[in-house]
């Protein structure tokens, strides 16, 4: 019997929290997002004024979720007819 697959669409705070919470489950976790990084947008103004560097507010998703598989996607909807 194969492992169940859990698909999480979006690597924002909710998606990352879900992936972290499911890390120890006996399932394959698939994290899908449009970009390969997590950006904390409220601090963008501090990057623009050179208080912070871009690397301090944007981290690669792979670095944050080493246990889960990651795919880039421009998810515009799902096709249930397939």
C-alpha atoms as a PDB file:
ATOM      1  CA  UNK A   1       0.000   0.000   0.000  1.00  0.00           C
ATOM      2  CA  UNK A   2       1.375   3.403  -0.924  1.00  0.00           C
ATOM      3  CA  UNK A   3       1.613   6.450   1.305  1.00  0.00           C
ATOM      4  CA  UNK A   4      -1.193   9.004   1.171  1.00  0.00           C
ATOM      5  CA  UNK A   5      -0.265  12.280  -0.523  1.00  0.00           C
ATOM      6  CA  UNK A   6      -1.080  15.649   1.052  1.00  0.00           C
ATOM      7  CA  UNK A   7      -0.963  18.608  -1.330  1.00  0.00           C
ATOM      8  CA  UNK A   8      -0.595  22.115   0.144  1.00  0.00           C
ATOM      9  CA  UNK A   9      -1.204  24.959  -2.310  1.00  0.00           C
ATOM     10  CA  UNK A  10       0.594  28.122  -1.239  1.00  0.00           C
ATOM     11  CA  UNK A  11       3.750  28.621   0.804  1.00  0.00           C
ATOM     12  CA  UNK A  12       2.581  31.594   2.839  1.00  0.00           C
ATOM     13  CA  UNK A  13       2.416  31.477   6.612  1.00  0.00           C
ATOM     14  CA  UNK A  14      -0.539  29.060   6.539  1.00  0.00           C
ATOM     15  CA  UNK A  15       1.019  26.684   4.015  1.00  0.00           C
ATOM     16  CA  UNK A  16       4.345  26.590   5.840  1.00  0.00           C
ATOM     17  CA  UNK A  17       2.594  26.045   9.180  1.00  0.00           C
ATOM     18  CA  UNK A  18       0.562  23.182   7.702  1.00  0.00           C
ATOM     19  CA  UNK A  19       3.679  21.562   6.230  1.00  0.00           C
ATOM     20  CA  UNK A  20       5.470  21.877   9.569  1.00  0.00           C
ATOM     21  CA  UNK A  21       2.505  20.437  11.488  1.00  0.00           C
ATOM     22  CA  UNK A  22       2.265  17.468   9.096  1.00  0.00           C
ATOM     23  CA  UNK A  23       6.010  16.810   9.035  1.00  0.00           C
ATOM     24  CA  UNK A  24       5.842  13.684  11.208  1.00  0.00           C
ATOM     25  CA  UNK A  25       2.793  12.104   9.568  1.00  0.00           C
ATOM     26  CA  UNK A  26       3.194   8.945   7.496  1.00  0.00           C
ATOM     27  CA  UNK A  27       2.296  10.801   4.291  1.00  0.00           C
ATOM     28  CA  UNK A  28       4.043  12.399   1.339  1.00  0.00           C
ATOM     29  CA  UNK A  29       3.738  16.194   1.609  1.00  0.00           C
ATOM     30  CA  UNK A  30       3.714  18.231  -1.592  1.00  0.00           C
ATOM     31  CA  UNK A  31       4.053  22.012  -1.214  1.00  0.00           C
ATOM     32  CA  UNK A  32       3.114  24.025  -4.332  1.00  0.00           C
ATOM     33  CA  UNK A  33       3.742  27.753  -4.750  1.00  0.00           C
ATOM     34  CA  UNK A  34       4.212  30.281  -7.561  1.00  0.00           C
ATOM     35  CA  UNK A  35       7.651  31.261  -6.308  1.00  0.00           C
ATOM     36  CA  UNK A  36      10.478  29.371  -4.665  1.00  0.00           C
ATOM     37  CA  UNK A  37      10.792  31.787  -1.747  1.00  0.00           C
ATOM     38  CA  UNK A  38       8.788  33.019   1.236  1.00  0.00           C
ATOM     39  CA  UNK A  39       8.589  36.824   1.428  1.00  0.00           C
ATOM     40  CA  UNK A  40       7.604  38.789   4.529  1.00  0.00           C
ATOM     41  CA  UNK A  41       6.077  41.790   2.763  1.00  0.00           C
ATOM     42  CA  UNK A  42       5.527  44.106   5.778  1.00  0.00           C
ATOM     43  CA  UNK A  43       9.298  44.658   5.889  1.00  0.00           C
ATOM     44  CA  UNK A  44       9.746  45.617   2.212  1.00  0.00           C
ATOM     45  CA  UNK A  45       9.976  49.307   3.104  1.00  0.00           C
ATOM     46  CA  UNK A  46      13.002  48.575   5.304  1.00  0.00           C
ATOM     47  CA  UNK A  47      14.762  46.950   2.345  1.00  0.00           C
ATOM     48  CA  UNK A  48      13.935  50.019   0.229  1.00  0.00           C
ATOM     49  CA  UNK A  49      15.532  52.282   2.860  1.00  0.00           C
ATOM     50  CA  UNK A  50      18.592  49.969   3.234  1.00  0.00           C
ATOM     51  CA  UNK A  51      17.831  49.090   6.857  1.00  0.00           C
ATOM     52  CA  UNK A  52      17.527  45.370   5.972  1.00  0.00           C
ATOM     53  CA  UNK A  53      18.922  43.261   3.153  1.00  0.00           C
ATOM     54  CA  UNK A  54      16.594  41.317   0.817  1.00  0.00           C
ATOM     55  CA  UNK A  55      17.912  38.069   2.289  1.00  0.00           C
ATOM     56  CA  UNK A  56      16.608  39.061   5.706  1.00  0.00           C
ATOM     57  CA  UNK A  57      12.960  39.157   4.579  1.00  0.00           C
ATOM     58  CA  UNK A  58      12.932  36.494   1.842  1.00  0.00           C
ATOM     59  CA  UNK A  59      14.009  32.917   2.513  1.00  0.00           C
ATOM     60  CA  UNK A  60      14.008  29.948   0.118  1.00  0.00           C
ATOM     61  CA  UNK A  61      11.116  27.564   0.710  1.00  0.00           C
ATOM     62  CA  UNK A  62      13.468  24.583   0.555  1.00  0.00           C
ATOM     63  CA  UNK A  63      15.402  26.034   3.467  1.00  0.00           C
ATOM     64  CA  UNK A  64      12.206  26.404   5.515  1.00  0.00           C
ATOM     65  CA  UNK A  65      10.713  23.009   4.632  1.00  0.00           C
ATOM     66  CA  UNK A  66      13.544  20.550   4.109  1.00  0.00           C
ATOM     67  CA  UNK A  67      11.303  17.489   4.567  1.00  0.00           C
ATOM     68  CA  UNK A  68       8.671  18.365   1.979  1.00  0.00           C
ATOM     69  CA  UNK A  69       8.832  18.265  -1.795  1.00  0.00           C
ATOM     70  CA  UNK A  70       8.459  21.653  -3.491  1.00  0.00           C
ATOM     71  CA  UNK A  71       7.091  22.553  -6.925  1.00  0.00           C
ATOM     72  CA  UNK A  72       6.769  25.912  -8.654  1.00  0.00           C
ATOM     73  CA  UNK A  73       3.314  26.520 -10.045  1.00  0.00           C
ATOM     74  CA  UNK A  74       1.103  29.204 -11.451  1.00  0.00           C
ATOM     75  CA  UNK A  75      -2.008  27.648  -9.998  1.00  0.00           C
ATOM     76  CA  UNK A  76      -4.929  29.336 -11.670  1.00  0.00           C
ATOM     77  CA  UNK A  77      -7.534  26.741 -10.830  1.00  0.00           C
ATOM     78  CA  UNK A  78      -8.152  23.054 -10.988  1.00  0.00           C
ATOM     79  CA  UNK A  79      -9.664  20.946 -13.695  1.00  0.00           C
ATOM     80  CA  UNK A  80     -11.878  18.387 -12.013  1.00  0.00           C
ATOM     81  CA  UNK A  81     -12.924  16.942 -15.357  1.00  0.00           C
ATOM     82  CA  UNK A  82      -9.558  15.253 -15.858  1.00  0.00           C
END
